N, C-alpha and C. Protein backbone atom coordinates (compact mmCIF):
# COMPACT_ATOMS: atom_id res chain seq x y z
N GLN A 1 -6.64 0.00 43.47
CA GLN A 1 -7.97 -0.59 43.38
C GLN A 1 -9.01 0.40 42.91
N LEU A 2 -8.68 1.71 43.03
CA LEU A 2 -9.53 2.76 42.49
C LEU A 2 -8.67 3.59 41.55
N GLN A 3 -9.03 3.61 40.29
CA GLN A 3 -8.25 4.32 39.29
C GLN A 3 -9.03 5.52 38.81
N ALA A 4 -8.58 6.71 39.20
CA ALA A 4 -9.25 7.94 38.81
C ALA A 4 -8.58 8.54 37.59
N SER A 5 -9.37 9.15 36.74
CA SER A 5 -8.85 9.81 35.56
C SER A 5 -9.82 10.89 35.10
N GLY A 6 -9.38 11.68 34.12
CA GLY A 6 -10.25 12.66 33.52
C GLY A 6 -9.97 14.10 33.90
N GLY A 7 -9.04 14.32 34.80
CA GLY A 7 -8.71 15.68 35.18
C GLY A 7 -7.97 16.40 34.07
N GLY A 8 -7.77 17.70 34.27
CA GLY A 8 -7.05 18.47 33.29
C GLY A 8 -7.24 19.95 33.51
N LEU A 9 -6.84 20.72 32.51
CA LEU A 9 -6.97 22.17 32.54
C LEU A 9 -8.19 22.57 31.72
N VAL A 10 -9.04 23.38 32.31
CA VAL A 10 -10.25 23.81 31.62
C VAL A 10 -10.50 25.28 31.94
N GLN A 11 -11.09 25.98 31.02
CA GLN A 11 -11.41 27.38 31.24
C GLN A 11 -12.64 27.53 32.12
N PRO A 12 -12.77 28.64 32.81
CA PRO A 12 -13.99 28.88 33.59
C PRO A 12 -15.22 28.75 32.72
N GLY A 13 -16.24 28.09 33.28
CA GLY A 13 -17.45 27.82 32.52
C GLY A 13 -17.43 26.52 31.76
N GLY A 14 -16.28 25.89 31.70
CA GLY A 14 -16.15 24.65 30.96
C GLY A 14 -16.60 23.44 31.75
N SER A 15 -16.41 22.27 31.15
CA SER A 15 -16.86 21.01 31.75
C SER A 15 -15.75 19.97 31.71
N LEU A 16 -15.82 19.07 32.66
CA LEU A 16 -14.95 17.89 32.69
C LEU A 16 -15.76 16.72 33.23
N ARG A 17 -15.39 15.53 32.83
CA ARG A 17 -15.97 14.33 33.42
C ARG A 17 -14.86 13.48 34.00
N LEU A 18 -14.93 13.27 35.29
CA LEU A 18 -13.97 12.41 35.96
C LEU A 18 -14.52 10.98 36.00
N SER A 19 -13.59 10.03 35.92
CA SER A 19 -13.96 8.62 35.98
C SER A 19 -13.18 7.93 37.09
N CYS A 20 -13.82 7.00 37.74
CA CYS A 20 -13.19 6.17 38.76
C CYS A 20 -13.54 4.73 38.46
N THR A 21 -12.55 3.98 38.02
CA THR A 21 -12.76 2.59 37.66
C THR A 21 -12.25 1.69 38.77
N THR A 22 -13.04 0.68 39.08
CA THR A 22 -12.66 -0.23 40.16
C THR A 22 -13.16 -1.62 39.82
N SER A 23 -13.12 -2.50 40.80
CA SER A 23 -13.61 -3.86 40.57
C SER A 23 -15.10 -3.92 40.87
N ARG A 24 -15.75 -4.94 40.31
CA ARG A 24 -17.16 -5.13 40.58
C ARG A 24 -17.40 -5.41 42.06
N SER A 25 -16.49 -6.12 42.67
CA SER A 25 -16.62 -6.43 44.09
C SER A 25 -16.66 -5.17 44.94
N ILE A 26 -15.76 -4.24 44.64
CA ILE A 26 -15.72 -3.01 45.42
C ILE A 26 -16.94 -2.15 45.11
N LEU A 27 -17.28 -2.06 43.83
CA LEU A 27 -18.39 -1.20 43.43
C LEU A 27 -19.71 -1.69 44.03
N SER A 28 -19.88 -3.00 44.11
CA SER A 28 -21.16 -3.54 44.58
C SER A 28 -21.30 -3.52 46.10
N ARG A 29 -20.20 -3.32 46.80
CA ARG A 29 -20.22 -3.40 48.26
C ARG A 29 -19.94 -2.07 48.93
N ASN A 30 -19.89 -1.01 48.15
CA ASN A 30 -19.55 0.30 48.70
C ASN A 30 -20.45 1.40 48.17
N ALA A 31 -20.78 2.32 49.06
CA ALA A 31 -21.16 3.62 48.56
C ALA A 31 -19.88 4.26 48.03
N MET A 32 -20.00 5.04 46.97
CA MET A 32 -18.84 5.63 46.34
C MET A 32 -18.93 7.14 46.40
N GLY A 33 -17.78 7.77 46.44
CA GLY A 33 -17.80 9.22 46.53
C GLY A 33 -16.64 9.88 45.82
N TRP A 34 -16.83 11.15 45.57
CA TRP A 34 -15.75 12.01 45.08
C TRP A 34 -15.49 13.08 46.15
N TYR A 35 -14.22 13.29 46.43
CA TYR A 35 -13.77 14.31 47.35
C TYR A 35 -12.73 15.16 46.63
N ARG A 36 -12.45 16.30 47.18
CA ARG A 36 -11.42 17.13 46.58
C ARG A 36 -10.60 17.82 47.65
N GLN A 37 -9.38 18.16 47.26
CA GLN A 37 -8.49 18.86 48.18
C GLN A 37 -7.74 19.93 47.41
N ALA A 38 -8.04 21.17 47.74
CA ALA A 38 -7.32 22.29 47.14
C ALA A 38 -6.04 22.52 47.92
N SER A 39 -5.10 23.17 47.27
CA SER A 39 -3.80 23.43 47.89
C SER A 39 -3.98 24.21 49.19
N GLY A 40 -3.41 23.69 50.27
CA GLY A 40 -3.47 24.35 51.56
C GLY A 40 -4.77 24.19 52.30
N LYS A 41 -5.68 23.38 51.77
CA LYS A 41 -6.99 23.19 52.41
C LYS A 41 -7.22 21.72 52.73
N GLN A 42 -8.21 21.48 53.59
CA GLN A 42 -8.56 20.11 53.94
C GLN A 42 -9.36 19.46 52.82
N ARG A 43 -9.30 18.15 52.78
CA ARG A 43 -10.09 17.40 51.83
C ARG A 43 -11.57 17.55 52.18
N GLU A 44 -12.40 17.72 51.15
CA GLU A 44 -13.82 17.92 51.40
C GLU A 44 -14.67 17.06 50.47
N LEU A 45 -15.86 16.75 50.93
CA LEU A 45 -16.80 15.97 50.16
C LEU A 45 -17.29 16.77 48.96
N VAL A 46 -17.39 16.09 47.82
CA VAL A 46 -18.02 16.67 46.64
C VAL A 46 -19.40 16.03 46.44
N ALA A 47 -19.40 14.70 46.35
CA ALA A 47 -20.66 13.98 46.09
C ALA A 47 -20.49 12.52 46.43
N THR A 48 -21.60 11.87 46.80
CA THR A 48 -21.59 10.43 47.03
C THR A 48 -22.78 9.79 46.35
N ILE A 49 -22.67 8.48 46.12
CA ILE A 49 -23.76 7.72 45.52
C ILE A 49 -23.77 6.35 46.17
N THR A 50 -24.96 5.90 46.57
CA THR A 50 -25.10 4.58 47.19
C THR A 50 -25.37 3.52 46.13
N GLY A 51 -25.41 2.27 46.59
CA GLY A 51 -25.73 1.19 45.68
C GLY A 51 -27.13 1.32 45.10
N ALA A 52 -28.01 1.99 45.82
CA ALA A 52 -29.37 2.21 45.34
C ALA A 52 -29.46 3.51 44.54
N SER A 53 -28.31 4.09 44.22
CA SER A 53 -28.22 5.32 43.42
C SER A 53 -28.81 6.53 44.12
N ILE A 54 -28.77 6.52 45.42
CA ILE A 54 -29.14 7.72 46.18
C ILE A 54 -27.91 8.61 46.22
N THR A 55 -28.09 9.84 45.82
CA THR A 55 -26.95 10.75 45.72
C THR A 55 -27.02 11.86 46.78
N ASN A 56 -25.84 12.38 47.06
CA ASN A 56 -25.71 13.47 48.02
C ASN A 56 -24.63 14.39 47.50
N TYR A 57 -24.87 15.70 47.59
CA TYR A 57 -23.92 16.67 47.05
C TYR A 57 -23.59 17.74 48.09
N ALA A 58 -22.35 18.19 48.02
CA ALA A 58 -21.99 19.39 48.76
C ALA A 58 -22.73 20.57 48.15
N ASP A 59 -22.96 21.58 48.96
CA ASP A 59 -23.71 22.73 48.47
C ASP A 59 -23.09 23.34 47.22
N PHE A 60 -21.76 23.40 47.17
CA PHE A 60 -21.11 24.03 46.02
C PHE A 60 -21.27 23.20 44.75
N ALA A 61 -21.60 21.92 44.91
CA ALA A 61 -21.73 21.03 43.75
C ALA A 61 -23.16 20.94 43.22
N LYS A 62 -24.11 21.31 44.04
CA LYS A 62 -25.51 21.16 43.62
C LYS A 62 -25.81 22.01 42.40
N GLY A 63 -26.43 21.37 41.42
CA GLY A 63 -26.80 22.08 40.20
C GLY A 63 -25.70 22.16 39.15
N ARG A 64 -24.48 21.84 39.54
CA ARG A 64 -23.37 21.89 38.58
C ARG A 64 -22.71 20.53 38.36
N PHE A 65 -22.65 19.72 39.39
CA PHE A 65 -21.97 18.42 39.31
C PHE A 65 -23.00 17.29 39.39
N THR A 66 -22.69 16.19 38.71
CA THR A 66 -23.54 15.01 38.77
C THR A 66 -22.69 13.78 38.96
N ILE A 67 -23.01 13.00 39.98
CA ILE A 67 -22.32 11.74 40.21
C ILE A 67 -23.20 10.61 39.68
N SER A 68 -22.57 9.62 39.07
CA SER A 68 -23.33 8.49 38.54
C SER A 68 -22.42 7.26 38.52
N ARG A 69 -23.02 6.11 38.35
CA ARG A 69 -22.22 4.89 38.23
C ARG A 69 -22.72 4.05 37.07
N ASP A 70 -21.77 3.38 36.43
CA ASP A 70 -22.08 2.49 35.32
C ASP A 70 -21.66 1.09 35.72
N TRP A 71 -22.65 0.24 36.01
CA TRP A 71 -22.34 -1.12 36.46
C TRP A 71 -21.67 -1.94 35.38
N THR A 72 -21.94 -1.64 34.12
CA THR A 72 -21.36 -2.43 33.03
C THR A 72 -19.86 -2.14 32.88
N LYS A 73 -19.43 -0.97 33.33
CA LYS A 73 -18.03 -0.59 33.21
C LYS A 73 -17.33 -0.51 34.57
N ASN A 74 -18.04 -0.84 35.64
CA ASN A 74 -17.48 -0.76 37.00
C ASN A 74 -16.85 0.61 37.25
N THR A 75 -17.56 1.62 36.87
CA THR A 75 -17.02 2.98 36.90
C THR A 75 -18.01 3.95 37.55
N VAL A 76 -17.46 4.86 38.32
CA VAL A 76 -18.23 5.96 38.88
C VAL A 76 -17.75 7.24 38.20
N TYR A 77 -18.69 8.08 37.82
CA TYR A 77 -18.37 9.31 37.11
C TYR A 77 -18.71 10.53 37.96
N LEU A 78 -18.01 11.61 37.67
CA LEU A 78 -18.39 12.91 38.20
C LEU A 78 -18.38 13.89 37.02
N GLN A 79 -19.56 14.23 36.58
CA GLN A 79 -19.71 15.22 35.52
C GLN A 79 -19.71 16.60 36.16
N MET A 80 -18.80 17.44 35.74
CA MET A 80 -18.67 18.77 36.32
C MET A 80 -18.90 19.82 35.24
N ASN A 81 -19.90 20.63 35.42
CA ASN A 81 -20.24 21.70 34.48
C ASN A 81 -20.09 23.06 35.14
N SER A 82 -20.05 24.08 34.32
CA SER A 82 -19.95 25.46 34.83
C SER A 82 -18.82 25.59 35.84
N LEU A 83 -17.68 25.08 35.48
CA LEU A 83 -16.55 25.07 36.41
C LEU A 83 -16.05 26.48 36.72
N LYS A 84 -15.60 26.64 37.95
CA LYS A 84 -15.11 27.92 38.45
C LYS A 84 -13.65 27.76 38.90
N PRO A 85 -12.91 28.84 38.95
CA PRO A 85 -11.52 28.74 39.43
C PRO A 85 -11.43 28.11 40.82
N GLU A 86 -12.41 28.34 41.66
CA GLU A 86 -12.38 27.77 43.00
C GLU A 86 -12.63 26.26 43.02
N ASP A 87 -12.96 25.68 41.89
CA ASP A 87 -13.07 24.22 41.79
C ASP A 87 -11.71 23.55 41.57
N THR A 88 -10.69 24.36 41.39
CA THR A 88 -9.35 23.82 41.22
C THR A 88 -8.92 23.03 42.44
N ALA A 89 -8.56 21.79 42.24
CA ALA A 89 -8.20 20.89 43.34
C ALA A 89 -7.77 19.55 42.76
N VAL A 90 -7.23 18.72 43.63
CA VAL A 90 -7.05 17.31 43.30
C VAL A 90 -8.32 16.59 43.72
N TYR A 91 -8.89 15.85 42.81
CA TYR A 91 -10.15 15.14 43.06
C TYR A 91 -9.84 13.67 43.29
N TYR A 92 -10.44 13.14 44.36
CA TYR A 92 -10.18 11.76 44.77
C TYR A 92 -11.46 10.95 44.73
N CYS A 93 -11.32 9.73 44.27
CA CYS A 93 -12.41 8.76 44.33
C CYS A 93 -12.29 8.00 45.65
N HIS A 94 -13.43 7.65 46.26
CA HIS A 94 -13.43 7.04 47.58
C HIS A 94 -14.49 5.95 47.66
N ALA A 95 -14.09 4.79 48.11
CA ALA A 95 -15.03 3.71 48.42
C ALA A 95 -15.31 3.79 49.92
N LEU A 96 -16.48 4.26 50.28
CA LEU A 96 -16.75 4.65 51.66
C LEU A 96 -16.72 3.47 52.63
N ASP A 97 -17.31 2.37 52.28
CA ASP A 97 -17.44 1.27 53.24
C ASP A 97 -16.10 0.57 53.49
N PHE A 98 -15.26 0.51 52.47
CA PHE A 98 -13.94 -0.11 52.61
C PHE A 98 -12.86 0.91 52.95
N ALA A 99 -13.22 2.18 52.99
CA ALA A 99 -12.25 3.25 53.28
C ALA A 99 -11.07 3.21 52.31
N LEU A 100 -11.37 3.05 51.04
CA LEU A 100 -10.32 3.03 50.02
C LEU A 100 -10.30 4.36 49.28
N TRP A 101 -9.08 4.80 48.95
CA TRP A 101 -8.92 6.04 48.18
C TRP A 101 -8.18 5.77 46.89
N GLY A 102 -8.58 6.47 45.85
CA GLY A 102 -7.84 6.45 44.61
C GLY A 102 -6.66 7.42 44.69
N GLN A 103 -5.91 7.51 43.60
CA GLN A 103 -4.68 8.29 43.62
C GLN A 103 -4.90 9.78 43.38
N GLY A 104 -6.08 10.19 42.96
CA GLY A 104 -6.33 11.60 42.73
C GLY A 104 -6.05 12.01 41.31
N THR A 105 -6.84 12.97 40.83
CA THR A 105 -6.64 13.53 39.51
C THR A 105 -6.80 15.05 39.61
N GLN A 106 -5.86 15.77 39.02
CA GLN A 106 -5.81 17.22 39.16
C GLN A 106 -6.80 17.88 38.22
N VAL A 107 -7.59 18.78 38.76
CA VAL A 107 -8.48 19.63 37.98
C VAL A 107 -8.05 21.07 38.19
N THR A 108 -7.75 21.75 37.10
CA THR A 108 -7.36 23.15 37.16
C THR A 108 -8.29 23.96 36.29
N VAL A 109 -8.92 24.95 36.90
CA VAL A 109 -9.85 25.81 36.17
C VAL A 109 -9.22 27.20 36.09
N SER A 110 -8.82 27.55 34.90
CA SER A 110 -8.10 28.81 34.73
C SER A 110 -8.19 29.29 33.30
N SER A 111 -8.20 30.59 33.13
CA SER A 111 -8.18 31.16 31.78
C SER A 111 -6.73 31.45 31.35
């Protein structure tokens, strides 16, 4: 019900845009979020966005990442700039109110 995509290998300082496509029903009834889980670590919040487009970011994401949603495409995006090796993780899309998780997309930041 949540299809995440857009991960890949990028050099430090580079950018990626993750996409999470879902149904209009889910998108309209949920705050949406991106979380990440690095190898050997717990899953952590990256950013969330409400139906009113109120956003919240983890400290490490502020100034570098932007979460947004496109109602015409039923998609939530995570634009990631100035990527660092420590951003390497599997990134998950999350529908907060329904407690739904996407399958995850791998982001690797390495030279």
